[in-house]
N, C-alpha and C. Protein backbone atom coordinates (compact mmCIF):
# COMPACT_ATOMS: atom_id res chain seq x y z
N UNK A 1 -33.80 -1.05 15.42
CA UNK A 1 -32.54 -1.68 15.83
C UNK A 1 -32.63 -3.18 15.72
N UNK A 2 -33.76 -3.70 16.19
CA UNK A 2 -33.96 -5.15 16.16
C UNK A 2 -33.98 -5.64 14.70
N UNK A 3 -34.60 -4.85 13.82
CA UNK A 3 -34.63 -5.22 12.38
C UNK A 3 -33.23 -5.23 11.79
N UNK A 4 -32.43 -4.23 12.18
CA UNK A 4 -31.06 -4.16 11.67
C UNK A 4 -30.26 -5.38 12.12
N UNK A 5 -30.41 -5.73 13.40
CA UNK A 5 -29.68 -6.91 13.90
C UNK A 5 -30.13 -8.19 13.19
N UNK A 6 -31.41 -8.28 12.92
CA UNK A 6 -31.94 -9.45 12.22
C UNK A 6 -31.35 -9.52 10.78
N UNK A 7 -31.30 -8.37 10.13
CA UNK A 7 -30.77 -8.34 8.76
C UNK A 7 -29.24 -8.66 8.75
N UNK A 8 -28.54 -8.17 9.72
CA UNK A 8 -27.11 -8.46 9.80
C UNK A 8 -26.88 -9.96 10.02
N UNK A 9 -27.66 -10.53 10.95
CA UNK A 9 -27.52 -11.96 11.20
C UNK A 9 -27.89 -12.76 9.94
N UNK A 10 -28.90 -12.30 9.22
CA UNK A 10 -29.30 -13.01 8.01
C UNK A 10 -28.16 -12.92 6.97
N UNK A 11 -27.51 -11.77 6.87
CA UNK A 11 -26.43 -11.62 5.94
C UNK A 11 -25.26 -12.56 6.28
N UNK A 12 -24.95 -12.67 7.57
CA UNK A 12 -23.89 -13.59 8.02
C UNK A 12 -24.29 -15.02 7.71
N UNK A 13 -25.53 -15.38 8.03
CA UNK A 13 -25.99 -16.74 7.77
C UNK A 13 -25.93 -17.11 6.29
N UNK A 14 -26.33 -16.16 5.43
CA UNK A 14 -26.32 -16.43 3.97
C UNK A 14 -24.89 -16.59 3.48
N UNK A 15 -23.99 -15.75 3.96
CA UNK A 15 -22.57 -15.84 3.53
C UNK A 15 -21.98 -17.16 4.03
N UNK A 16 -22.29 -17.53 5.26
CA UNK A 16 -21.79 -18.80 5.81
C UNK A 16 -22.40 -20.00 5.02
N UNK A 17 -23.64 -19.90 4.61
CA UNK A 17 -24.27 -20.97 3.85
C UNK A 17 -23.58 -21.12 2.50
N UNK A 18 -23.25 -20.02 1.87
CA UNK A 18 -22.54 -20.08 0.57
C UNK A 18 -21.20 -20.76 0.74
N UNK A 19 -20.50 -20.45 1.83
CA UNK A 19 -19.20 -21.06 2.09
C UNK A 19 -19.38 -22.56 2.35
N UNK A 20 -20.42 -22.91 3.11
CA UNK A 20 -20.67 -24.31 3.39
C UNK A 20 -21.01 -25.11 2.11
N UNK A 21 -21.74 -24.47 1.19
CA UNK A 21 -22.11 -25.15 -0.07
C UNK A 21 -20.91 -25.34 -0.98
N UNK A 22 -20.01 -24.38 -1.00
CA UNK A 22 -18.83 -24.47 -1.89
C UNK A 22 -17.63 -23.83 -1.21
N UNK A 23 -17.03 -24.57 -0.26
CA UNK A 23 -15.92 -23.99 0.50
C UNK A 23 -14.66 -23.77 -0.34
N UNK A 24 -14.57 -24.32 -1.53
CA UNK A 24 -13.42 -24.12 -2.37
C UNK A 24 -13.51 -22.82 -3.18
N UNK A 25 -14.64 -22.17 -3.17
CA UNK A 25 -14.89 -20.95 -3.95
C UNK A 25 -14.39 -19.71 -3.17
N UNK A 26 -13.34 -19.08 -3.67
CA UNK A 26 -12.77 -17.90 -3.00
C UNK A 26 -13.79 -16.77 -2.92
N UNK A 27 -14.64 -16.63 -3.91
CA UNK A 27 -15.64 -15.53 -3.89
C UNK A 27 -16.57 -15.68 -2.71
N UNK A 28 -16.92 -16.90 -2.30
CA UNK A 28 -17.77 -17.09 -1.15
C UNK A 28 -17.08 -16.62 0.12
N UNK A 29 -15.79 -16.94 0.25
CA UNK A 29 -15.02 -16.48 1.42
C UNK A 29 -14.89 -14.97 1.41
N UNK A 30 -14.70 -14.39 0.21
CA UNK A 30 -14.60 -12.94 0.11
C UNK A 30 -15.89 -12.26 0.52
N UNK A 31 -17.01 -12.83 0.16
CA UNK A 31 -18.31 -12.28 0.56
C UNK A 31 -18.43 -12.33 2.07
N UNK A 32 -18.07 -13.44 2.67
CA UNK A 32 -18.14 -13.57 4.12
C UNK A 32 -17.22 -12.54 4.78
N UNK A 33 -16.03 -12.36 4.22
CA UNK A 33 -15.10 -11.37 4.79
C UNK A 33 -15.68 -9.98 4.69
N UNK A 34 -16.36 -9.67 3.59
CA UNK A 34 -16.95 -8.35 3.39
C UNK A 34 -18.06 -8.11 4.44
N UNK A 35 -18.86 -9.15 4.69
CA UNK A 35 -19.92 -9.03 5.72
C UNK A 35 -19.30 -8.77 7.09
N UNK A 36 -18.30 -9.56 7.44
CA UNK A 36 -17.64 -9.38 8.74
C UNK A 36 -16.96 -8.01 8.81
N UNK A 37 -16.35 -7.57 7.72
CA UNK A 37 -15.67 -6.27 7.71
C UNK A 37 -16.65 -5.14 8.01
N UNK A 38 -17.85 -5.29 7.53
CA UNK A 38 -18.87 -4.25 7.80
C UNK A 38 -19.24 -4.20 9.28
N UNK A 39 -18.92 -5.25 10.00
CA UNK A 39 -19.27 -5.29 11.44
C UNK A 39 -18.14 -4.87 12.36
N UNK A 40 -16.96 -4.61 11.77
CA UNK A 40 -15.81 -4.18 12.59
C UNK A 40 -16.18 -2.92 13.34
N UNK A 41 -15.96 -2.96 14.65
CA UNK A 41 -16.32 -1.82 15.50
C UNK A 41 -17.70 -1.99 16.15
N UNK A 42 -18.53 -2.84 15.53
CA UNK A 42 -19.88 -3.03 16.07
C UNK A 42 -20.03 -4.39 16.74
N UNK A 43 -19.21 -5.35 16.34
CA UNK A 43 -19.29 -6.70 16.90
C UNK A 43 -17.90 -7.14 17.38
N UNK A 44 -17.87 -7.76 18.53
CA UNK A 44 -16.61 -8.27 19.05
C UNK A 44 -16.02 -9.29 18.08
N UNK A 45 -14.72 -9.22 17.90
CA UNK A 45 -13.97 -10.16 17.07
C UNK A 45 -14.28 -10.10 15.58
N UNK A 46 -15.03 -9.12 15.14
CA UNK A 46 -15.35 -8.99 13.73
C UNK A 46 -14.07 -8.80 12.92
N UNK A 47 -13.12 -8.09 13.45
CA UNK A 47 -11.85 -7.90 12.74
C UNK A 47 -11.12 -9.21 12.54
N UNK A 48 -11.14 -10.05 13.58
CA UNK A 48 -10.46 -11.37 13.47
C UNK A 48 -11.21 -12.26 12.47
N UNK A 49 -12.53 -12.23 12.48
CA UNK A 49 -13.30 -13.04 11.53
C UNK A 49 -13.04 -12.57 10.10
N UNK A 50 -12.93 -11.23 9.94
CA UNK A 50 -12.65 -10.67 8.63
C UNK A 50 -11.33 -11.18 8.08
N UNK A 51 -10.27 -11.07 8.92
CA UNK A 51 -8.94 -11.54 8.49
C UNK A 51 -9.00 -13.02 8.19
N UNK A 52 -9.62 -13.81 9.05
CA UNK A 52 -9.67 -15.26 8.83
C UNK A 52 -10.39 -15.60 7.51
N UNK A 53 -11.45 -14.90 7.21
CA UNK A 53 -12.19 -15.16 5.97
C UNK A 53 -11.35 -14.76 4.74
N UNK A 54 -10.65 -13.61 4.84
CA UNK A 54 -9.78 -13.21 3.71
C UNK A 54 -8.62 -14.21 3.53
N UNK A 55 -8.09 -14.71 4.63
CA UNK A 55 -7.01 -15.70 4.53
C UNK A 55 -7.53 -16.95 3.82
N UNK A 56 -8.73 -17.37 4.14
CA UNK A 56 -9.32 -18.53 3.44
C UNK A 56 -9.51 -18.23 1.95
N UNK A 57 -9.96 -17.02 1.63
CA UNK A 57 -10.14 -16.65 0.22
C UNK A 57 -8.80 -16.66 -0.52
N UNK A 58 -7.75 -16.13 0.11
CA UNK A 58 -6.46 -16.08 -0.52
C UNK A 58 -5.90 -17.47 -0.72
N UNK A 59 -6.14 -18.35 0.25
CA UNK A 59 -5.70 -19.74 0.09
C UNK A 59 -6.36 -20.41 -1.11
N UNK A 60 -7.58 -20.03 -1.39
CA UNK A 60 -8.31 -20.65 -2.50
C UNK A 60 -8.04 -19.98 -3.85
N UNK A 61 -7.58 -18.75 -3.79
CA UNK A 61 -7.24 -18.00 -5.01
C UNK A 61 -5.92 -17.27 -4.80
N UNK A 62 -4.84 -18.01 -4.70
CA UNK A 62 -3.55 -17.39 -4.34
C UNK A 62 -3.00 -16.45 -5.38
N UNK A 63 -3.50 -16.48 -6.59
CA UNK A 63 -2.99 -15.56 -7.62
C UNK A 63 -3.88 -14.30 -7.79
N UNK A 64 -4.84 -14.12 -6.92
CA UNK A 64 -5.74 -12.96 -7.00
C UNK A 64 -5.18 -11.82 -6.15
N UNK A 65 -4.61 -10.79 -6.80
CA UNK A 65 -4.04 -9.68 -6.03
C UNK A 65 -5.06 -8.83 -5.31
N UNK A 66 -6.29 -8.78 -5.83
CA UNK A 66 -7.33 -7.92 -5.22
C UNK A 66 -7.63 -8.37 -3.77
N UNK A 67 -7.63 -9.69 -3.55
CA UNK A 67 -7.87 -10.17 -2.18
C UNK A 67 -6.83 -9.64 -1.21
N UNK A 68 -5.57 -9.57 -1.65
CA UNK A 68 -4.51 -9.05 -0.79
C UNK A 68 -4.66 -7.53 -0.56
N UNK A 69 -5.10 -6.81 -1.58
CA UNK A 69 -5.35 -5.39 -1.43
C UNK A 69 -6.51 -5.17 -0.45
N UNK A 70 -7.56 -5.96 -0.56
CA UNK A 70 -8.70 -5.85 0.34
C UNK A 70 -8.27 -6.13 1.77
N UNK A 71 -7.50 -7.20 1.96
CA UNK A 71 -7.02 -7.55 3.31
C UNK A 71 -6.08 -6.48 3.83
N UNK A 72 -5.27 -5.91 2.97
CA UNK A 72 -4.38 -4.82 3.37
C UNK A 72 -5.18 -3.65 3.92
N UNK A 73 -6.35 -3.39 3.31
CA UNK A 73 -7.22 -2.33 3.79
C UNK A 73 -7.69 -2.59 5.23
N UNK A 74 -7.97 -3.85 5.54
CA UNK A 74 -8.37 -4.20 6.90
C UNK A 74 -7.24 -3.90 7.88
N UNK A 75 -6.03 -4.30 7.49
CA UNK A 75 -4.86 -4.05 8.34
C UNK A 75 -4.55 -2.58 8.47
N UNK A 76 -4.76 -1.81 7.41
CA UNK A 76 -4.52 -0.35 7.48
C UNK A 76 -5.45 0.30 8.49
N UNK A 77 -6.71 -0.09 8.44
CA UNK A 77 -7.69 0.50 9.39
C UNK A 77 -7.36 0.13 10.81
N UNK A 78 -6.70 -1.04 11.00
CA UNK A 78 -6.28 -1.47 12.32
C UNK A 78 -4.90 -0.90 12.70
N UNK A 79 -4.33 -0.07 11.84
CA UNK A 79 -3.04 0.56 12.04
C UNK A 79 -1.88 -0.44 12.06
N UNK A 80 -2.04 -1.56 11.40
CA UNK A 80 -0.97 -2.53 11.25
C UNK A 80 -0.39 -2.31 9.86
N UNK A 81 0.39 -1.24 9.75
CA UNK A 81 0.91 -0.79 8.45
C UNK A 81 1.96 -1.72 7.88
N UNK A 82 2.73 -2.41 8.74
CA UNK A 82 3.71 -3.37 8.24
C UNK A 82 3.05 -4.52 7.51
N UNK A 83 2.01 -5.09 8.11
CA UNK A 83 1.30 -6.19 7.47
C UNK A 83 0.58 -5.69 6.20
N UNK A 84 0.01 -4.53 6.26
CA UNK A 84 -0.65 -3.98 5.06
C UNK A 84 0.36 -3.79 3.95
N UNK A 85 1.53 -3.30 4.25
CA UNK A 85 2.59 -3.11 3.25
C UNK A 85 2.99 -4.44 2.65
N UNK A 86 3.19 -5.44 3.48
CA UNK A 86 3.57 -6.77 2.96
C UNK A 86 2.53 -7.31 1.98
N UNK A 87 1.26 -7.15 2.32
CA UNK A 87 0.19 -7.66 1.45
C UNK A 87 0.16 -6.87 0.12
N UNK A 88 0.34 -5.57 0.19
CA UNK A 88 0.34 -4.76 -1.03
C UNK A 88 1.55 -5.10 -1.91
N UNK A 89 2.68 -5.35 -1.29
CA UNK A 89 3.86 -5.75 -2.04
C UNK A 89 3.63 -7.10 -2.72
N UNK A 90 2.95 -8.01 -2.03
CA UNK A 90 2.60 -9.29 -2.64
C UNK A 90 1.66 -9.08 -3.83
N UNK A 91 0.72 -8.14 -3.68
CA UNK A 91 -0.22 -7.86 -4.77
C UNK A 91 0.50 -7.38 -6.00
N UNK A 92 1.49 -6.49 -5.84
CA UNK A 92 2.20 -5.97 -7.03
C UNK A 92 3.16 -7.03 -7.59
N UNK A 93 3.59 -7.97 -6.77
CA UNK A 93 4.38 -9.08 -7.33
C UNK A 93 3.49 -9.96 -8.21
N UNK A 94 2.24 -10.15 -7.78
CA UNK A 94 1.32 -10.96 -8.57
C UNK A 94 0.85 -10.21 -9.85
N UNK A 95 0.68 -8.90 -9.71
CA UNK A 95 0.19 -8.09 -10.83
C UNK A 95 0.97 -6.78 -10.85
N UNK A 96 2.11 -6.76 -11.53
CA UNK A 96 2.98 -5.60 -11.57
C UNK A 96 2.36 -4.31 -12.10
N UNK A 97 1.23 -4.40 -12.77
CA UNK A 97 0.59 -3.19 -13.28
C UNK A 97 -0.69 -2.87 -12.48
N UNK A 98 -0.69 -3.17 -11.19
CA UNK A 98 -1.86 -2.96 -10.35
C UNK A 98 -1.74 -1.57 -9.69
N UNK A 99 -2.27 -0.57 -10.35
CA UNK A 99 -2.13 0.83 -9.92
C UNK A 99 -2.67 1.05 -8.51
N UNK A 100 -3.80 0.42 -8.17
CA UNK A 100 -4.40 0.62 -6.87
C UNK A 100 -3.45 0.17 -5.74
N UNK A 101 -2.75 -0.95 -5.95
CA UNK A 101 -1.80 -1.39 -4.97
C UNK A 101 -0.65 -0.40 -4.78
N UNK A 102 -0.12 0.10 -5.88
CA UNK A 102 0.96 1.08 -5.79
C UNK A 102 0.47 2.36 -5.10
N UNK A 103 -0.75 2.81 -5.44
CA UNK A 103 -1.26 4.02 -4.82
C UNK A 103 -1.43 3.82 -3.30
N UNK A 104 -1.91 2.65 -2.91
CA UNK A 104 -2.03 2.34 -1.48
C UNK A 104 -0.67 2.31 -0.80
N UNK A 105 0.34 1.76 -1.47
CA UNK A 105 1.70 1.78 -0.92
C UNK A 105 2.18 3.22 -0.75
N UNK A 106 1.87 4.10 -1.70
CA UNK A 106 2.22 5.51 -1.60
C UNK A 106 1.55 6.13 -0.40
N UNK A 107 0.31 5.80 -0.20
CA UNK A 107 -0.45 6.36 0.94
C UNK A 107 0.14 5.94 2.27
N UNK A 108 0.55 4.67 2.35
CA UNK A 108 1.18 4.18 3.60
C UNK A 108 2.54 4.89 3.78
N UNK A 109 3.32 5.01 2.73
CA UNK A 109 4.60 5.71 2.81
C UNK A 109 4.41 7.14 3.29
N UNK A 110 3.35 7.77 2.84
CA UNK A 110 3.03 9.15 3.28
C UNK A 110 2.72 9.14 4.78
N UNK A 111 1.95 8.15 5.21
CA UNK A 111 1.57 8.08 6.60
C UNK A 111 2.77 7.87 7.54
N UNK A 112 3.76 7.11 7.07
CA UNK A 112 4.95 6.84 7.90
C UNK A 112 6.08 7.81 7.55
N UNK A 113 5.77 8.82 6.79
CA UNK A 113 6.70 9.88 6.46
C UNK A 113 7.96 9.41 5.73
N UNK A 114 7.77 8.53 4.76
CA UNK A 114 8.84 8.07 3.90
C UNK A 114 8.58 8.66 2.50
N UNK A 115 8.84 9.95 2.40
CA UNK A 115 8.47 10.69 1.19
C UNK A 115 9.15 10.21 -0.08
N UNK A 116 10.45 9.85 -0.07
CA UNK A 116 11.02 9.33 -1.32
C UNK A 116 10.31 8.06 -1.81
N UNK A 117 9.96 7.18 -0.88
CA UNK A 117 9.21 5.97 -1.28
C UNK A 117 7.84 6.37 -1.81
N UNK A 118 7.22 7.29 -1.11
CA UNK A 118 5.89 7.77 -1.54
C UNK A 118 5.94 8.27 -2.98
N UNK A 119 6.96 9.08 -3.28
CA UNK A 119 7.09 9.60 -4.64
C UNK A 119 7.33 8.50 -5.66
N UNK A 120 8.14 7.55 -5.31
CA UNK A 120 8.40 6.42 -6.22
C UNK A 120 7.11 5.67 -6.51
N UNK A 121 6.30 5.42 -5.49
CA UNK A 121 5.03 4.69 -5.69
C UNK A 121 4.04 5.56 -6.51
N UNK A 122 3.98 6.85 -6.26
CA UNK A 122 3.10 7.72 -7.03
C UNK A 122 3.53 7.72 -8.49
N UNK A 123 4.84 7.83 -8.72
CA UNK A 123 5.34 7.81 -10.10
C UNK A 123 4.99 6.49 -10.79
N UNK A 124 5.13 5.39 -10.09
CA UNK A 124 4.80 4.10 -10.65
C UNK A 124 3.30 4.04 -11.00
N UNK A 125 2.49 4.57 -10.12
CA UNK A 125 1.03 4.62 -10.36
C UNK A 125 0.73 5.40 -11.63
N UNK A 126 1.45 6.52 -11.80
CA UNK A 126 1.22 7.36 -12.99
C UNK A 126 1.65 6.66 -14.28
N UNK A 127 2.62 5.76 -14.21
CA UNK A 127 3.02 5.03 -15.42
C UNK A 127 2.03 3.97 -15.80
N UNK A 128 1.17 3.60 -14.86
CA UNK A 128 0.22 2.50 -15.10
C UNK A 128 -1.15 3.03 -15.57
N UNK A 129 -1.65 4.07 -14.89
CA UNK A 129 -2.98 4.55 -15.25
C UNK A 129 -2.93 5.44 -16.50
N UNK A 130 -4.04 5.49 -17.18
CA UNK A 130 -4.13 6.30 -18.39
C UNK A 130 -4.29 7.78 -18.02
N UNK A 131 -3.79 8.63 -18.88
CA UNK A 131 -3.87 10.07 -18.60
C UNK A 131 -5.29 10.60 -18.58
N UNK A 132 -6.21 9.88 -19.25
CA UNK A 132 -7.62 10.34 -19.23
C UNK A 132 -8.40 9.81 -18.03
N UNK A 133 -7.71 9.04 -17.17
CA UNK A 133 -8.34 8.54 -15.95
C UNK A 133 -8.62 9.74 -15.02
N UNK A 134 -9.79 9.82 -14.42
CA UNK A 134 -10.11 10.96 -13.57
C UNK A 134 -9.10 11.14 -12.40
N UNK A 135 -8.46 10.09 -11.96
CA UNK A 135 -7.52 10.18 -10.84
C UNK A 135 -6.13 10.63 -11.28
N UNK A 136 -5.83 10.51 -12.56
CA UNK A 136 -4.49 10.82 -13.04
C UNK A 136 -4.01 12.20 -12.63
N UNK A 137 -4.79 13.21 -12.92
CA UNK A 137 -4.37 14.59 -12.63
C UNK A 137 -4.16 14.81 -11.14
N UNK A 138 -5.05 14.26 -10.32
CA UNK A 138 -4.93 14.40 -8.88
C UNK A 138 -3.61 13.76 -8.38
N UNK A 139 -3.30 12.59 -8.88
CA UNK A 139 -2.07 11.87 -8.46
C UNK A 139 -0.86 12.65 -8.98
N UNK A 140 -0.92 13.18 -10.20
CA UNK A 140 0.17 13.93 -10.79
C UNK A 140 0.43 15.20 -9.95
N UNK A 141 -0.59 15.88 -9.58
CA UNK A 141 -0.41 17.10 -8.77
C UNK A 141 0.27 16.75 -7.46
N UNK A 142 -0.17 15.66 -6.84
CA UNK A 142 0.42 15.22 -5.56
C UNK A 142 1.90 14.87 -5.76
N UNK A 143 2.20 14.11 -6.81
CA UNK A 143 3.57 13.72 -7.09
C UNK A 143 4.44 14.93 -7.39
N UNK A 144 3.94 15.86 -8.19
CA UNK A 144 4.72 17.05 -8.52
C UNK A 144 5.00 17.91 -7.28
N UNK A 145 4.02 18.05 -6.39
CA UNK A 145 4.20 18.82 -5.19
C UNK A 145 5.25 18.14 -4.28
N UNK A 146 5.18 16.84 -4.21
CA UNK A 146 6.12 16.09 -3.37
C UNK A 146 7.53 16.17 -4.00
N UNK A 147 7.61 16.07 -5.33
CA UNK A 147 8.91 16.19 -6.02
C UNK A 147 9.54 17.55 -5.71
N UNK A 148 8.74 18.59 -5.77
CA UNK A 148 9.23 19.93 -5.47
C UNK A 148 9.68 20.02 -4.02
N UNK A 149 8.91 19.49 -3.12
CA UNK A 149 9.26 19.53 -1.70
C UNK A 149 10.56 18.78 -1.45
N UNK A 150 10.69 17.61 -2.03
CA UNK A 150 11.93 16.81 -1.87
C UNK A 150 13.10 17.53 -2.53
N UNK A 151 12.85 18.16 -3.67
CA UNK A 151 13.92 18.92 -4.36
C UNK A 151 14.35 20.11 -3.51
N UNK A 152 13.39 20.83 -2.92
CA UNK A 152 13.69 21.96 -2.06
C UNK A 152 14.49 21.51 -0.83
N UNK A 153 14.12 20.36 -0.26
CA UNK A 153 14.80 19.84 0.90
C UNK A 153 16.23 19.45 0.52
N UNK A 154 16.41 18.85 -0.63
CA UNK A 154 17.76 18.44 -1.07
C UNK A 154 18.60 19.68 -1.35
N UNK A 155 18.00 20.72 -1.92
CA UNK A 155 18.73 21.97 -2.19
C UNK A 155 19.16 22.61 -0.89
N UNK A 156 18.27 22.62 0.11
CA UNK A 156 18.59 23.21 1.41
C UNK A 156 19.73 22.44 2.08
N UNK A 157 19.69 21.11 1.99
CA UNK A 157 20.78 20.30 2.58
C UNK A 157 22.09 20.58 1.88
N UNK A 158 22.05 20.69 0.56
CA UNK A 158 23.28 20.96 -0.18
C UNK A 158 23.84 22.34 0.15
N UNK A 159 22.95 23.32 0.30
CA UNK A 159 23.37 24.68 0.63
C UNK A 159 24.03 24.72 2.01
N UNK A 160 23.49 23.95 2.93
CA UNK A 160 24.05 23.93 4.26
C UNK A 160 25.44 23.29 4.25
N UNK A 161 25.65 22.30 3.41
CA UNK A 161 26.97 21.64 3.32
C UNK A 161 28.00 22.58 2.70
N UNK A 162 27.59 23.47 1.82
CA UNK A 162 28.53 24.37 1.17
C UNK A 162 28.57 25.74 1.83
N UNK A 163 28.08 25.84 3.07
CA UNK A 163 28.09 27.10 3.80
C UNK A 163 29.53 27.56 4.04
N UNK A 164 29.70 28.80 4.41
CA UNK A 164 31.02 29.35 4.65
C UNK A 164 31.77 28.54 5.67
N UNK A 165 33.02 28.16 5.35
CA UNK A 165 33.79 27.32 6.28
C UNK A 165 34.17 28.11 7.52
N UNK A 166 34.51 27.37 8.59
CA UNK A 166 34.93 28.02 9.82
C UNK A 166 36.26 28.68 9.61
N UNK A 167 36.72 29.48 10.57
CA UNK A 167 37.96 30.23 10.46
C UNK A 167 39.16 29.34 10.29
N UNK A 168 39.13 28.15 10.90
CA UNK A 168 40.25 27.21 10.79
C UNK A 168 39.86 26.09 9.85
N UNK A 169 40.47 26.09 8.69
CA UNK A 169 40.13 24.99 7.76
C UNK A 169 40.61 23.65 8.28
N UNK A 170 39.78 22.66 8.06
CA UNK A 170 40.11 21.30 8.50
C UNK A 170 40.40 20.48 7.27
N UNK A 171 41.39 19.58 7.38
CA UNK A 171 41.69 18.73 6.22
C UNK A 171 40.52 17.78 5.99
N UNK A 172 40.29 17.49 4.74
CA UNK A 172 39.23 16.54 4.37
C UNK A 172 39.83 15.38 3.60
N UNK A 173 39.18 14.30 3.62
CA UNK A 173 39.63 13.12 2.89
C UNK A 173 39.50 13.37 1.41
N UNK A 174 40.40 12.80 0.65
CA UNK A 174 40.33 12.91 -0.80
C UNK A 174 39.17 12.06 -1.32
N UNK A 175 38.26 12.67 -2.06
CA UNK A 175 37.14 11.89 -2.56
C UNK A 175 37.60 10.80 -3.53
N UNK A 176 36.98 9.66 -3.45
CA UNK A 176 37.28 8.55 -4.34
C UNK A 176 36.05 8.27 -5.19
N UNK A 177 36.26 7.85 -6.44
CA UNK A 177 35.08 7.54 -7.26
C UNK A 177 34.32 6.36 -6.69
N UNK A 178 33.04 6.45 -6.79
CA UNK A 178 32.16 5.38 -6.30
C UNK A 178 32.21 4.20 -7.26
N UNK A 179 32.36 3.02 -6.69
CA UNK A 179 32.38 1.80 -7.50
C UNK A 179 30.95 1.36 -7.71
N UNK A 180 30.63 1.13 -8.98
CA UNK A 180 29.28 0.70 -9.30
C UNK A 180 29.34 -0.73 -9.79
N UNK A 181 28.52 -1.56 -9.23
CA UNK A 181 28.44 -2.96 -9.64
C UNK A 181 27.69 -3.02 -10.96
N UNK A 182 28.33 -3.59 -11.96
CA UNK A 182 27.71 -3.64 -13.31
C UNK A 182 26.47 -4.49 -13.34
N UNK A 183 26.24 -5.30 -12.34
CA UNK A 183 25.03 -6.14 -12.34
C UNK A 183 23.84 -5.42 -11.81
N UNK A 184 24.05 -4.25 -11.19
CA UNK A 184 22.92 -3.50 -10.65
C UNK A 184 22.20 -2.78 -11.74
N UNK A 185 20.92 -2.66 -11.58
CA UNK A 185 20.09 -1.97 -12.55
C UNK A 185 20.27 -0.47 -12.37
N UNK A 186 20.26 0.25 -13.48
CA UNK A 186 20.38 1.70 -13.40
C UNK A 186 19.08 2.37 -13.05
N UNK A 187 17.99 1.67 -13.18
CA UNK A 187 16.69 2.26 -12.87
C UNK A 187 16.34 1.99 -11.41
N UNK A 188 15.75 3.00 -10.76
CA UNK A 188 15.36 2.81 -9.36
C UNK A 188 14.28 1.76 -9.22
N UNK A 189 14.29 1.05 -8.15
CA UNK A 189 13.31 0.01 -7.89
C UNK A 189 12.23 0.55 -6.99
N UNK A 190 11.00 0.21 -7.25
CA UNK A 190 9.89 0.56 -6.38
C UNK A 190 9.77 -0.57 -5.39
N UNK A 191 9.79 -0.24 -4.12
CA UNK A 191 9.73 -1.26 -3.04
C UNK A 191 8.48 -1.08 -2.26
């Protein structure tokens, strides 16, 4: 145990030394964040140190989406899903073809039971990764199962709306055509 503590402290000291030597280098801050992240749950305030180090790394490399995805992972483990979602959304703004960020957004949507969003993120992930990627088939199976589930739920809701009317018919409003703004995109947006 004493050896482990010595090695952990040495790792922290080395990462801090790298930051001290070149504080403008985002990779040094990322390394320090990774060391602190490994201590979350074992050392008091390790989660705060991790976040602070990632924030420093992001400030030094603001166009690096991976740093935001990594920090989102810290927030996800802490159950701060709103902050994790914001960081992942920033990552896809920086890199619109970042499959890992979309997949993580899908996972958060699943956790908060927003299945239509989850499906949209899974579909976006599938458009980005190659079909020969080992994860492609797994994601496709998940998306197809969710699509079926959502389709079944929509069918059940429609069936309930068209159920046999009550004995006394009630007047209904005359349906009006929906106005569509020509400036809106016809393709759904992934949020």
